[in-house]
Amino acid sequence: MIDVGETAGFDAARFEHFCSKLIIDSKELGRIPLTFMGSQRYAIEQISQGLNSGIHEFVILKGRQMGISTVMLALDMYWLFKNPGLQGAVVTDNDENRELVRSSPVTLNRCPCPPSRRSSATTARKSCSRTVRA
């Protein structure tokens, strides 16, 4: 559950811009920028509407190959950049799923965090220069 002071005012377009700076491993195309599919955009728009309405818990029923897991990992990363001092972890239900998440790195192409965050947030600065893995 996310309950951070900056939830009001979540901007889906700004998040999508952040995601455009991320590099993902595509099964079909190799390493490519994260460009939203319709399913990803819809999920983020619904989350944005919910956050801006004061809703802080979301349950997503999803199919395979819709990109929802990838965009949720990106949202976790974005949230950590947006809220300095916040710490996060990805928890899986078994070792096989942990390895699956670890084998799917989301890499920063160039640092999408604003310059003010780069100078003040050590974690963000370190993350901008390396692969971020769950």
Foldseek 3Di string as FASTA:
>chain_A
DDDDPPLAPDDLVLLQVQQQQKWWQDPVPGTHGDHADPLCSVVSVVSNVCSNVVHDDDDDDDDPPNCNVVSVVSVVVVVPLVDAPDDDDDDDDDPVVLVVQQVIWIAGNAQSRDPVSCVVHPVSVVRRVDIDGD
